[in-house]
Amino acid sequence: MAGPGAEPGPGAGLGAEPGPYRATRLWNELTRYFRAGMPLRRHRQRLRSHGRCFTAAEAADWLHRELRAHRSFGPDVSRQQTVQLLRKFLKNHIIEDIRGSWGHERLEDNGDNDALYRFPPTSPVKPLPSPPRENLENSGDKGKLFKLPSSAKKKKQGILQSLENLARPKADGTEEKKEDTLQRREISQEDVQETWRNIIQIHLQTILGVPSLEEVLQPAQIIPEFVMYNMSNTSKHGVVILQDKAEDLPHWVLSAMKCLAHWPRNNDMSQATYSGFERDVFRTVADYFLSLPEPLLTFEYYDLFVNILDLLQPHLERIAVEALQICCLLLPPAQRRKLQLLLRMMARISGNVDMPRLHDAMGTRTLLIQTFSRCVLRCAEEEELDELLSTHLVSFLMDHQQEIFQVPAQLQAAVQGHLQSLKVAQCKQEKEEICAILPTYSYCKQITPQEFEEQKVSTSQAAVAELLENIIKDKNLSVKDKKKKLKQFQKEYPHIYSSRFPSTASEALLLENKPTIKQPMLSLRKAKFHSLRY
């Protein structure tokens, strides 16, 4: 483990580690880092002295500070979460009490508690799970996992037809004349869906700078109907509109969320309020989301979103927003709507100075993130670091929810442009098959510092040499001005000048003095002489 503050480059880790694999690797890294960095000292307990040990409060102080500085967790990690992690350390025998007992979670962050803890002689690490390599397209439950909402089913044909109409080019006389000799291909629904899948993959790979997404996102996980529905069925605020109200949030939950989001202007609540009313409303909303059978980002996309955590850095903020824009389009429409409404409510409550405290011992922002983190992201199999990882992601989603839930115009333009080119694609031979050529992207290849310096010098020298040629070929400069500029250039760049003019003869040949015929300054008319003869 390089250190808590180490920062990766764009796409670091993405496409290489599935979510459970990455969570287990983080667990093992934290285990080693905690054992190596936790300060140990001598303590006295019941008239006995114990060396190389620590109290729960000391461990919580040190670990909390390190987790807040770690790139995968961030500053929103609470002390309570840190204590929970220490309890898991005790349960998994990463630490033990001074008597050598472990396997329980009775660790209290209490300054008055004189319990002492130490590291066992060996540190057990978890085996890394092997990445699932099965093809999701052949999974029998895939249809159940990606069940299209009834509203999306009803509008599927209309969406596909509308995209075809958008992609259909205008007919003109020139094309009509060529129809006799050229063949036109009609776009099928399969073409539209395959175009969406391919371009989404290409855009994600381009944004993240990785050659493949196969470890975190399979083609079968990209449901074009979901993406098209999420992009085309939105309100003026960009929130997905569901045709089937049975898939929407219950009315009482929507009313409670609206009450909190517009506090104290809660016009929908006609009943009189009382002291602590806002806390009860908040608890009602929290209970509903905590009771959902799966997180809003769904279990299927856990690997994808966990691997984006490395991008949640200040200098990578734009890249993270663009990646999350596309990833959130993959969600089923009902899940996307619930997630967006929840994040909008959280953002408004967090920024509302008139909102009373919703918890006696916890700030409003911290309470929001801690309450809803597991409702947004968690693994199907219980993981020790799920809550810490989801806290970091939910914090970023809440702060950038307005940008993340905007429809990426470049993605829509790329799909429509490709469908249009596919629509008008023609071949000269009657039976020739027309292939859809997807847009290609080139990726930056890292070079060594020596190669960079060499390229920097060669590129700059080429530009300076081009400047010299421009001076030589400039016909608007007089010989005097040209000599002056060339003399100045020779002084600044003697090596480039000498390579262009290796001898004085070559320089003289270019600047040889040609005689010029000057026009007379005064035009005098020839005097007429008159004869003296009469």
Protein backbone atom coordinates (compact mmCIF):
# COMPACT_ATOMS: atom_id res chain seq x y z
CA MET A 1 0.00 0.00 0.00
CA ALA A 2 1.67 3.15 -1.26
CA GLY A 3 -0.01 5.38 1.27
CA PRO A 4 -3.40 6.80 2.09
CA GLY A 5 -2.96 9.88 -0.01
CA ALA A 6 -1.66 8.24 -3.18
CA GLU A 7 -3.51 9.35 -6.26
CA PRO A 8 -4.03 7.18 -9.34
CA GLY A 9 -4.29 8.31 -12.90
CA PRO A 10 -7.53 8.26 -14.90
CA GLY A 11 -8.98 4.80 -15.08
CA ALA A 12 -6.53 3.36 -12.56
CA GLY A 13 -7.78 -0.03 -11.49
CA LEU A 14 -10.84 0.14 -13.73
CA GLY A 15 -11.32 -2.79 -16.01
CA ALA A 16 -8.88 -4.86 -13.99
CA GLU A 17 -10.67 -5.71 -10.73
CA PRO A 18 -14.29 -6.62 -10.12
CA GLY A 19 -15.95 -4.99 -7.11
CA PRO A 20 -15.69 -7.92 -4.64
CA TYR A 21 -12.08 -8.51 -5.74
CA ARG A 22 -11.23 -4.86 -5.23
CA ALA A 23 -13.00 -4.68 -1.86
CA THR A 24 -11.07 -7.73 -0.64
CA ARG A 25 -7.79 -6.26 -1.90
CA LEU A 26 -8.56 -3.00 -0.06
CA TRP A 27 -9.33 -4.99 3.09
CA ASN A 28 -5.96 -6.75 2.88
CA GLU A 29 -4.14 -3.48 2.19
CA LEU A 30 -5.83 -1.77 5.13
CA THR A 31 -4.96 -4.73 7.33
CA ARG A 32 -1.27 -4.53 6.45
CA TYR A 33 -1.22 -0.74 6.62
CA PHE A 34 -2.93 -0.72 10.04
CA ARG A 35 -0.45 -3.23 11.43
CA ALA A 36 2.52 -1.32 10.02
CA GLY A 37 1.44 2.21 10.91
CA MET A 38 -0.60 2.06 14.09
CA PRO A 39 1.46 3.62 16.93
CA LEU A 40 2.10 1.17 19.78
CA ARG A 41 3.21 2.04 23.31
CA ARG A 42 3.27 0.73 26.87
CA HIS A 43 0.04 0.89 28.92
CA ARG A 44 -0.80 0.02 32.51
CA GLN A 45 -3.90 -1.98 33.34
CA ARG A 46 -4.85 -3.25 36.82
CA LEU A 47 -1.36 -2.72 38.27
CA ARG A 48 0.24 -4.50 35.33
CA SER A 49 2.29 -3.01 32.51
CA HIS A 50 1.71 -4.16 28.92
CA GLY A 51 4.01 -3.23 26.05
CA ARG A 52 3.26 -2.69 22.35
CA CYS A 53 -0.50 -2.25 22.66
CA PHE A 54 -3.17 0.44 22.20
CA THR A 55 -6.62 1.45 23.37
CA ALA A 56 -9.73 1.54 21.21
CA ALA A 57 -9.79 5.35 21.33
CA GLU A 58 -6.16 5.56 20.15
CA ALA A 59 -6.86 3.15 17.30
CA ALA A 60 -10.00 5.06 16.31
CA ASP A 61 -8.13 8.39 16.31
CA TRP A 62 -5.33 7.13 14.09
CA LEU A 63 -7.43 5.02 11.71
CA HIS A 64 -10.10 7.69 11.29
CA ARG A 65 -7.49 10.23 10.23
CA GLU A 66 -5.94 7.81 7.73
CA LEU A 67 -9.26 6.74 6.21
CA ARG A 68 -10.31 10.36 5.63
CA ALA A 69 -7.09 10.93 3.68
CA HIS A 70 -7.37 7.71 1.64
CA ARG A 71 -8.34 8.10 -2.01
CA SER A 72 -10.94 5.30 -1.88
CA PHE A 73 -12.83 6.56 1.19
CA GLY A 74 -12.55 10.33 1.50
CA PRO A 75 -13.29 12.96 4.15
CA ASP A 76 -16.89 11.86 4.78
CA VAL A 77 -15.85 8.75 6.73
CA SER A 78 -17.32 9.08 10.22
CA ARG A 79 -15.75 8.02 13.47
CA GLN A 80 -18.62 5.60 14.00
CA GLN A 81 -17.73 3.84 10.74
CA THR A 82 -14.12 3.70 11.85
CA VAL A 83 -15.13 2.01 15.10
CA GLN A 84 -17.25 -0.46 13.13
CA LEU A 85 -14.20 -1.30 11.01
CA LEU A 86 -12.14 -1.84 14.17
CA ARG A 87 -14.83 -4.21 15.43
CA LYS A 88 -14.56 -6.16 12.18
CA PHE A 89 -10.80 -6.25 12.66
CA LEU A 90 -11.39 -7.78 16.10
CA LYS A 91 -13.91 -10.27 14.75
CA ASN A 92 -11.54 -11.39 11.96
CA HIS A 93 -8.52 -11.63 14.33
CA ILE A 94 -6.66 -8.71 12.75
CA ILE A 95 -6.40 -7.48 16.34
CA GLU A 96 -7.03 -9.16 19.70
CA ASP A 97 -7.47 -7.96 23.24
CA ILE A 98 -4.57 -8.06 25.66
CA ARG A 99 -5.66 -11.49 26.92
CA GLY A 100 -5.54 -12.92 23.40
CA SER A 101 -9.29 -13.27 22.84
CA TRP A 102 -11.02 -12.30 19.61
CA GLY A 103 -13.99 -13.33 17.43
CA HIS A 104 -16.47 -10.85 18.91
CA GLU A 105 -17.29 -7.18 18.24
CA ARG A 106 -17.34 -5.82 21.80
CA LEU A 107 -15.04 -2.89 21.10
CA GLU A 108 -16.15 0.44 22.51
CA ASP A 109 -14.79 3.88 21.62
CA ASN A 110 -14.84 5.11 25.19
CA GLY A 111 -12.07 7.06 26.84
CA ASP A 112 -13.04 5.63 30.23
CA ASN A 113 -12.74 2.09 28.92
CA ASP A 114 -9.37 0.63 29.90
CA ALA A 115 -9.52 -2.30 27.43
CA LEU A 116 -6.22 -2.81 25.64
CA TYR A 117 -5.62 -4.39 22.25
CA ARG A 118 -2.61 -5.73 20.36
CA PHE A 119 -1.70 -7.38 17.08
CA PRO A 120 -1.53 -11.19 16.98
CA PRO A 121 1.76 -12.78 15.83
CA THR A 122 0.31 -13.46 12.39
CA SER A 123 -2.10 -11.36 10.37
CA PRO A 124 -4.70 -13.38 8.47
CA VAL A 125 -5.62 -11.99 5.07
CA LYS A 126 -8.63 -12.91 3.01
CA PRO A 127 -8.13 -14.91 -0.21
CA LEU A 128 -8.91 -12.87 -3.29
CA PRO A 129 -12.04 -14.12 -5.04
CA SER A 130 -11.56 -15.30 -8.59
CA PRO A 131 -13.26 -12.93 -11.04
CA PRO A 132 -16.46 -14.39 -12.53
CA ARG A 133 -15.79 -15.24 -16.14
CA GLU A 134 -19.19 -16.61 -17.05
CA ASN A 135 -20.99 -15.07 -19.97
CA LEU A 136 -23.88 -13.05 -18.66
CA GLU A 137 -25.76 -13.47 -21.90
CA ASN A 138 -26.14 -17.21 -21.22
CA SER A 139 -27.41 -16.71 -17.67
CA GLY A 140 -30.93 -18.03 -17.22
CA ASP A 141 -31.84 -15.31 -14.71
CA LYS A 142 -30.69 -12.44 -16.92
CA GLY A 143 -34.22 -11.71 -18.04
CA LYS A 144 -35.36 -11.39 -14.44
CA LEU A 145 -32.43 -9.19 -13.42
CA PHE A 146 -32.92 -6.82 -16.32
CA LYS A 147 -36.69 -6.85 -16.49
CA LEU A 148 -37.90 -3.91 -18.52
CA PRO A 149 -40.50 -1.73 -16.79
CA SER A 150 -43.95 -2.09 -18.28
CA SER A 151 -43.87 1.53 -19.37
CA ALA A 152 -40.63 0.92 -21.22
CA LYS A 153 -42.06 -2.18 -22.84
CA LYS A 154 -45.02 -0.22 -24.16
CA LYS A 155 -42.83 2.53 -25.58
CA LYS A 156 -40.00 0.34 -26.89
CA GLN A 157 -41.29 0.25 -30.45
CA GLY A 158 -42.03 3.97 -30.40
CA ILE A 159 -38.54 4.83 -29.13
CA LEU A 160 -36.83 2.71 -31.75
CA GLN A 161 -39.07 4.13 -34.48
CA SER A 162 -38.39 7.71 -33.35
CA LEU A 163 -34.65 7.09 -33.46
CA GLU A 164 -34.99 5.71 -36.96
CA ASN A 165 -36.91 8.82 -37.99
CA LEU A 166 -34.22 11.04 -36.46
CA ALA A 167 -31.55 9.14 -38.33
CA ARG A 168 -33.41 9.09 -41.66
CA PRO A 169 -31.74 11.52 -44.12
CA LYS A 170 -33.71 13.87 -46.32
CA ALA A 171 -34.24 12.57 -49.79
CA ASP A 172 -33.03 14.72 -52.64
CA GLY A 173 -33.02 14.44 -56.39
CA THR A 174 -29.40 13.35 -56.60
CA GLU A 175 -29.96 10.30 -54.41
CA GLU A 176 -33.12 9.33 -56.28
CA LYS A 177 -31.18 9.22 -59.52
CA LYS A 178 -28.66 6.81 -58.02
CA GLU A 179 -31.24 4.35 -56.66
CA ASP A 180 -31.18 2.35 -59.85
CA THR A 181 -27.49 1.50 -59.53
CA LEU A 182 -26.90 1.70 -55.75
CA GLN A 183 -28.35 -0.41 -52.96
CA ARG A 184 -29.87 1.09 -49.79
CA ARG A 185 -29.94 -0.78 -46.48
CA GLU A 186 -32.80 -0.47 -43.97
CA ILE A 187 -31.96 -0.13 -40.24
CA SER A 188 -33.32 -2.87 -38.03
CA GLN A 189 -34.02 -2.73 -34.31
CA GLU A 190 -30.99 -4.96 -33.79
CA ASP A 191 -28.83 -2.38 -35.59
CA VAL A 192 -30.09 0.37 -33.28
CA GLN A 193 -29.50 -1.65 -30.13
CA GLU A 194 -26.06 -2.83 -31.20
CA THR A 195 -25.09 0.74 -32.06
CA TRP A 196 -26.07 1.92 -28.58
CA ARG A 197 -24.11 -0.90 -26.93
CA ASN A 198 -20.97 -0.34 -28.95
CA ILE A 199 -20.91 3.43 -28.68
CA ILE A 200 -21.58 3.36 -24.92
CA GLN A 201 -18.66 0.98 -24.48
CA ILE A 202 -16.42 3.10 -26.70
CA HIS A 203 -17.32 6.30 -24.85
CA LEU A 204 -16.69 4.74 -21.44
CA GLN A 205 -13.36 3.32 -22.57
CA THR A 206 -12.37 6.68 -24.05
CA ILE A 207 -13.35 8.68 -20.95
CA LEU A 208 -11.63 6.28 -18.58
CA GLY A 209 -8.62 5.65 -20.80
CA VAL A 210 -8.78 1.86 -20.61
CA PRO A 211 -8.58 -0.67 -23.47
CA SER A 212 -11.32 -2.96 -22.12
CA LEU A 213 -14.25 -3.01 -19.70
CA GLU A 214 -14.78 -6.76 -19.73
CA GLU A 215 -14.02 -7.24 -16.03
CA VAL A 216 -16.61 -4.72 -14.83
CA LEU A 217 -19.19 -4.34 -17.60
CA GLN A 218 -20.40 -6.99 -20.02
CA PRO A 219 -22.29 -6.12 -23.25
CA ALA A 220 -25.33 -7.96 -21.88
CA GLN A 221 -25.46 -5.46 -19.00
CA ILE A 222 -26.06 -2.59 -21.41
CA ILE A 223 -29.82 -2.54 -22.05
CA PRO A 224 -30.45 -0.06 -24.91
CA GLU A 225 -34.14 0.23 -24.00
CA PHE A 226 -33.19 1.51 -20.53
CA VAL A 227 -30.73 4.04 -21.95
CA MET A 228 -33.13 5.35 -24.60
CA TYR A 229 -36.00 5.58 -22.12
CA ASN A 230 -33.87 7.44 -19.57
CA MET A 231 -32.79 9.93 -22.22
CA SER A 232 -36.15 10.59 -23.88
CA ASN A 233 -38.75 10.40 -21.07
CA THR A 234 -37.82 13.20 -18.69
CA SER A 235 -39.47 16.17 -17.06
CA LYS A 236 -38.33 19.77 -17.49
CA HIS A 237 -36.00 19.17 -14.53
CA GLY A 238 -34.44 16.12 -16.21
CA VAL A 239 -36.11 13.56 -13.91
CA VAL A 240 -37.31 10.32 -15.50
CA ILE A 241 -41.11 10.11 -15.89
CA LEU A 242 -42.63 6.65 -15.42
CA GLN A 243 -45.83 5.80 -17.25
CA ASP A 244 -46.66 3.03 -14.80
CA LYS A 245 -47.25 4.69 -11.43
CA ALA A 246 -46.96 1.33 -9.67
CA GLU A 247 -43.19 1.49 -10.30
CA ASP A 248 -42.89 4.99 -8.84
CA LEU A 249 -42.29 6.05 -5.26
CA PRO A 250 -45.42 5.87 -3.10
CA HIS A 251 -47.30 9.14 -2.82
CA TRP A 252 -46.65 9.44 0.90
CA VAL A 253 -42.89 9.04 0.35
CA LEU A 254 -42.89 11.69 -2.40
CA SER A 255 -44.82 14.06 -0.12
CA ALA A 256 -42.40 13.49 2.73
CA MET A 257 -39.37 14.04 0.46
CA LYS A 258 -40.91 17.22 -0.95
CA CYS A 259 -41.60 18.45 2.57
CA LEU A 260 -37.93 18.03 3.53
CA ALA A 261 -36.57 19.38 0.24
CA HIS A 262 -38.61 22.62 0.52
CA TRP A 263 -38.43 23.07 4.27
CA PRO A 264 -39.89 25.23 5.77
CA ARG A 265 -42.01 26.00 2.67
CA ASN A 266 -43.74 22.62 2.85
CA ASN A 267 -46.94 23.60 1.08
CA ASP A 268 -48.07 20.01 0.55
CA MET A 269 -48.27 19.35 4.29
CA SER A 270 -51.55 20.79 5.48
CA GLN A 271 -51.41 19.33 8.99
CA ALA A 272 -49.89 21.31 11.80
CA THR A 273 -46.28 20.58 12.66
CA TYR A 274 -44.78 20.02 16.10
CA SER A 275 -41.35 20.04 17.71
CA GLY A 276 -39.27 17.30 16.09
CA PHE A 277 -41.69 16.96 13.16
CA GLU A 278 -38.90 17.22 10.59
CA ARG A 279 -37.02 14.37 12.28
CA ASP A 280 -40.03 12.10 12.05
CA VAL A 281 -40.50 12.93 8.37
CA PHE A 282 -36.82 12.23 7.72
CA ARG A 283 -37.08 8.90 9.57
CA THR A 284 -40.09 7.99 7.41
CA VAL A 285 -38.16 8.58 4.19
CA ALA A 286 -35.11 6.74 5.52
CA ASP A 287 -37.18 3.72 6.56
CA TYR A 288 -38.64 3.40 3.07
CA PHE A 289 -35.29 3.46 1.26
CA LEU A 290 -33.67 1.17 3.82
CA SER A 291 -36.43 -1.38 3.20
CA LEU A 292 -35.77 -1.66 -0.55
CA PRO A 293 -34.68 -5.19 -1.58
CA GLU A 294 -31.62 -3.97 -3.50
CA PRO A 295 -29.60 -0.74 -3.73
CA LEU A 296 -30.58 1.94 -6.21
CA LEU A 297 -27.41 1.32 -8.26
CA THR A 298 -28.42 -2.38 -8.32
CA PHE A 299 -26.25 -5.37 -7.50
CA GLU A 300 -25.44 -5.86 -11.19
CA TYR A 301 -23.49 -2.61 -11.47
CA TYR A 302 -21.64 -2.86 -8.16
CA ASP A 303 -18.35 -3.76 -9.86
CA LEU A 304 -18.62 -0.83 -12.27
CA PHE A 305 -19.34 1.85 -9.68
CA VAL A 306 -16.80 0.56 -7.13
CA ASN A 307 -14.05 0.74 -9.74
CA ILE A 308 -14.97 4.36 -10.54
CA LEU A 309 -14.10 5.35 -6.95
CA ASP A 310 -10.47 5.98 -7.95
CA LEU A 311 -11.67 8.81 -10.20
CA LEU A 312 -13.32 10.76 -7.37
CA GLN A 313 -10.36 13.13 -6.99
CA PRO A 314 -10.41 16.94 -7.40
CA HIS A 315 -8.17 16.90 -10.48
CA LEU A 316 -10.25 14.10 -12.08
CA GLU A 317 -13.65 15.58 -11.28
CA ARG A 318 -14.66 16.21 -14.91
CA ILE A 319 -13.72 12.67 -15.95
CA ALA A 320 -15.66 11.19 -13.03
CA VAL A 321 -18.77 13.21 -13.87
CA GLU A 322 -18.68 12.13 -17.53
CA ALA A 323 -18.22 8.48 -16.55
CA LEU A 324 -21.06 8.60 -14.02
CA GLN A 325 -23.33 10.31 -16.57
CA ILE A 326 -23.13 7.26 -18.82
CA CYS A 327 -23.15 4.69 -16.00
CA CYS A 328 -26.33 6.13 -14.48
CA LEU A 329 -28.04 5.89 -17.88
CA LEU A 330 -27.64 2.11 -17.67
CA LEU A 331 -29.94 1.87 -14.64
CA PRO A 332 -33.53 0.68 -14.98
CA PRO A 333 -35.74 3.80 -15.31
CA ALA A 334 -37.51 3.22 -11.99
CA GLN A 335 -34.17 2.95 -10.16
CA ARG A 336 -32.74 6.01 -11.90
CA ARG A 337 -35.79 8.09 -10.95
CA LYS A 338 -35.63 7.05 -7.29
CA LEU A 339 -31.89 7.70 -7.13
CA GLN A 340 -32.19 11.13 -8.74
CA LEU A 341 -35.06 12.24 -6.48
CA LEU A 342 -33.19 11.00 -3.40
CA LEU A 343 -29.97 12.83 -4.33
CA ARG A 344 -31.90 16.04 -5.15
CA MET A 345 -33.55 15.89 -1.73
CA MET A 346 -30.22 15.23 0.01
CA ALA A 347 -28.52 18.12 -1.81
CA ARG A 348 -31.28 20.57 -0.87
CA ILE A 349 -31.39 19.49 2.77
CA SER A 350 -27.60 19.68 3.03
CA GLY A 351 -27.56 23.22 1.66
CA ASN A 352 -30.61 24.49 3.58
CA VAL A 353 -29.49 26.75 6.44
CA ASP A 354 -33.07 26.89 7.77
CA MET A 355 -33.29 23.12 8.29
CA PRO A 356 -33.15 22.27 12.02
CA ARG A 357 -30.66 19.66 13.16
CA LEU A 358 -31.92 16.19 12.35
CA HIS A 359 -29.58 14.52 14.85
CA ASP A 360 -28.24 15.67 18.19
CA ALA A 361 -24.69 14.37 17.79
CA MET A 362 -24.21 14.37 14.00
CA GLY A 363 -24.14 17.07 11.35
CA THR A 364 -26.87 17.10 8.71
CA ARG A 365 -24.58 16.27 5.78
CA THR A 366 -22.90 13.42 7.65
CA LEU A 367 -26.29 12.07 8.73
CA LEU A 368 -27.61 12.11 5.15
CA ILE A 369 -24.58 10.29 3.74
CA GLN A 370 -24.43 7.73 6.55
CA THR A 371 -28.16 7.03 6.37
CA PHE A 372 -28.53 6.52 2.64
CA SER A 373 -25.12 5.15 1.59
CA ARG A 374 -26.18 1.51 1.81
CA CYS A 375 -29.43 2.34 0.00
CA VAL A 376 -27.38 3.51 -2.99
CA LEU A 377 -24.46 1.04 -3.23
CA ARG A 378 -23.73 -2.30 -1.62
CA CYS A 379 -22.67 -5.76 -2.69
CA ALA A 380 -25.00 -8.75 -2.79
CA GLU A 381 -22.53 -10.53 -0.54
CA GLU A 382 -21.81 -8.68 2.68
CA GLU A 383 -18.44 -6.93 2.47
CA GLU A 384 -16.59 -5.26 5.34
CA LEU A 385 -15.75 -2.12 3.36
CA ASP A 386 -19.09 -1.63 1.59
CA GLU A 387 -20.25 1.20 3.81
CA LEU A 388 -16.95 3.06 3.60
CA LEU A 389 -16.83 2.74 -0.19
CA SER A 390 -20.47 3.73 -0.68
CA THR A 391 -20.03 6.75 1.61
CA HIS A 392 -17.37 8.19 -0.69
CA LEU A 393 -19.46 7.59 -3.82
CA VAL A 394 -22.71 8.96 -2.36
CA SER A 395 -20.92 12.10 -1.22
CA PHE A 396 -19.71 12.74 -4.78
CA LEU A 397 -23.10 11.89 -6.31
CA MET A 398 -24.87 14.30 -3.97
CA ASP A 399 -22.47 17.17 -4.69
CA HIS A 400 -22.61 16.68 -8.50
CA GLN A 401 -26.11 15.26 -8.98
CA GLN A 402 -27.25 18.05 -11.30
CA GLU A 403 -24.40 17.45 -13.76
CA ILE A 404 -24.40 13.66 -13.49
CA PHE A 405 -28.09 13.33 -14.39
CA GLN A 406 -27.85 15.53 -17.45
CA VAL A 407 -28.23 13.67 -20.74
CA PRO A 408 -24.78 13.53 -22.37
CA ALA A 409 -25.30 15.29 -25.67
CA GLN A 410 -22.12 13.87 -27.20
CA LEU A 411 -23.37 10.31 -26.67
CA GLN A 412 -26.72 11.00 -28.28
CA ALA A 413 -25.09 12.82 -31.20
CA ALA A 414 -22.65 9.95 -31.76
CA VAL A 415 -25.45 7.38 -31.89
CA GLN A 416 -27.67 9.43 -34.18
CA GLY A 417 -24.73 10.28 -36.43
CA HIS A 418 -23.80 6.63 -36.77
CA LEU A 419 -27.39 5.58 -37.43
CA GLN A 420 -27.65 8.22 -40.12
CA SER A 421 -24.44 7.07 -41.78
CA LEU A 422 -25.70 3.49 -41.54
CA LYS A 423 -29.00 4.51 -43.07
CA VAL A 424 -27.46 6.13 -46.12
CA ALA A 425 -24.70 3.57 -46.51
CA GLN A 426 -24.67 2.26 -50.06
CA CYS A 427 -22.65 -0.21 -52.03
CA LYS A 428 -21.95 -0.27 -55.75
CA GLN A 429 -22.35 -4.01 -56.14
CA GLU A 430 -25.87 -5.32 -55.86
CA LYS A 431 -25.21 -8.14 -53.38
CA GLU A 432 -22.36 -6.58 -51.44
CA GLU A 433 -22.91 -6.62 -47.68
CA ILE A 434 -22.77 -3.20 -46.02
CA CYS A 435 -20.97 -3.30 -42.68
CA ALA A 436 -21.55 -0.80 -39.89
CA ILE A 437 -18.28 0.96 -39.22
CA LEU A 438 -18.18 2.27 -35.71
CA PRO A 439 -16.22 5.40 -34.83
CA THR A 440 -12.70 4.63 -33.74
CA TYR A 441 -10.64 6.42 -31.13
CA SER A 442 -6.94 6.55 -30.59
CA TYR A 443 -5.53 6.35 -27.09
CA CYS A 444 -2.59 8.24 -25.68
CA LYS A 445 0.46 6.05 -25.22
CA GLN A 446 2.75 6.88 -22.34
CA ILE A 447 6.33 7.67 -23.32
CA THR A 448 9.54 7.86 -21.34
CA PRO A 449 10.91 11.19 -20.07
CA GLN A 450 13.83 10.89 -22.53
CA GLU A 451 11.42 10.44 -25.47
CA PHE A 452 9.40 13.41 -24.24
CA GLU A 453 12.46 15.65 -24.15
CA GLU A 454 13.53 14.49 -27.62
CA GLN A 455 10.07 15.09 -29.07
CA LYS A 456 9.86 18.46 -27.35
CA VAL A 457 13.14 19.59 -28.89
CA SER A 458 12.39 18.25 -32.36
CA THR A 459 8.91 19.78 -32.40
CA SER A 460 10.08 23.20 -31.27
CA GLN A 461 13.00 23.18 -33.72
CA ALA A 462 10.65 22.34 -36.58
CA ALA A 463 8.46 25.31 -35.67
CA VAL A 464 11.46 27.67 -35.52
CA ALA A 465 12.78 26.39 -38.85
CA GLU A 466 9.36 27.05 -40.37
CA LEU A 467 9.54 30.62 -39.04
CA LEU A 468 12.90 31.07 -40.80
CA GLU A 469 11.44 29.90 -44.11
CA ASN A 470 8.55 32.33 -43.74
CA ILE A 471 11.02 35.20 -43.33
CA ILE A 472 12.98 34.08 -46.40
CA LYS A 473 9.89 33.75 -48.61
CA ASP A 474 8.18 36.92 -47.45
CA LYS A 475 7.93 39.07 -50.58
CA ASN A 476 6.61 42.05 -48.70
CA LEU A 477 9.92 42.56 -46.85
CA SER A 478 12.58 44.74 -48.36
CA VAL A 479 16.13 43.43 -48.59
CA LYS A 480 17.15 45.70 -45.76
CA ASP A 481 14.37 44.53 -43.43
CA LYS A 482 14.94 40.91 -44.40
CA LYS A 483 18.66 41.19 -43.58
CA LYS A 484 17.78 42.75 -40.25
CA LYS A 485 15.37 39.96 -39.34
CA LEU A 486 17.78 37.26 -40.49
CA LYS A 487 20.57 38.79 -38.45
CA GLN A 488 18.34 38.78 -35.38
CA PHE A 489 17.30 35.18 -36.08
CA GLN A 490 20.95 34.13 -36.46
CA LYS A 491 21.71 35.65 -33.08
CA GLU A 492 18.84 33.82 -31.36
CA TYR A 493 19.06 30.44 -33.15
CA PRO A 494 22.58 30.05 -34.56
CA HIS A 495 22.36 26.25 -35.07
CA ILE A 496 19.16 26.38 -37.10
CA TYR A 497 20.46 29.34 -39.10
CA SER A 498 23.74 27.59 -39.91
CA SER A 499 21.91 24.46 -41.05
CA ARG A 500 19.85 26.57 -43.47
CA PHE A 501 22.83 28.65 -44.66
CA PRO A 502 25.90 26.42 -44.31
CA SER A 503 28.10 28.97 -46.12
CA THR A 504 28.20 32.68 -46.71
CA ALA A 505 27.83 32.02 -50.41
CA SER A 506 24.39 30.48 -49.94
CA GLU A 507 23.37 33.48 -47.84
CA ALA A 508 24.73 35.94 -50.40
CA LEU A 509 22.94 34.09 -53.21
CA LEU A 510 19.65 34.67 -51.48
CA LEU A 511 20.33 38.28 -50.57
CA GLU A 512 22.45 39.44 -53.52
CA ASN A 513 22.05 43.12 -54.26
CA LYS A 514 20.23 43.65 -57.51
CA PRO A 515 20.51 47.06 -59.15
CA THR A 516 17.35 48.94 -58.93
CA ILE A 517 16.23 51.70 -61.27
CA LYS A 518 15.08 54.65 -59.31
CA GLN A 519 12.39 56.90 -60.64
CA PRO A 520 13.37 60.52 -61.05
CA MET A 521 12.34 62.61 -58.13
CA LEU A 522 11.06 65.47 -60.38
CA SER A 523 9.52 65.18 -63.76
CA LEU A 524 10.90 68.14 -65.72
CA ARG A 525 9.50 69.03 -69.07
CA LYS A 526 11.99 69.72 -71.84
CA ALA A 527 12.43 73.45 -72.41
CA LYS A 528 11.36 74.81 -75.73
CA PHE A 529 13.79 77.07 -77.60
CA HIS A 530 12.41 79.74 -79.87
CA SER A 531 14.21 80.85 -82.95
CA LEU A 532 15.64 84.36 -83.07
CA ARG A 533 14.66 84.66 -86.61
CA TYR A 534 11.52 86.39 -87.45
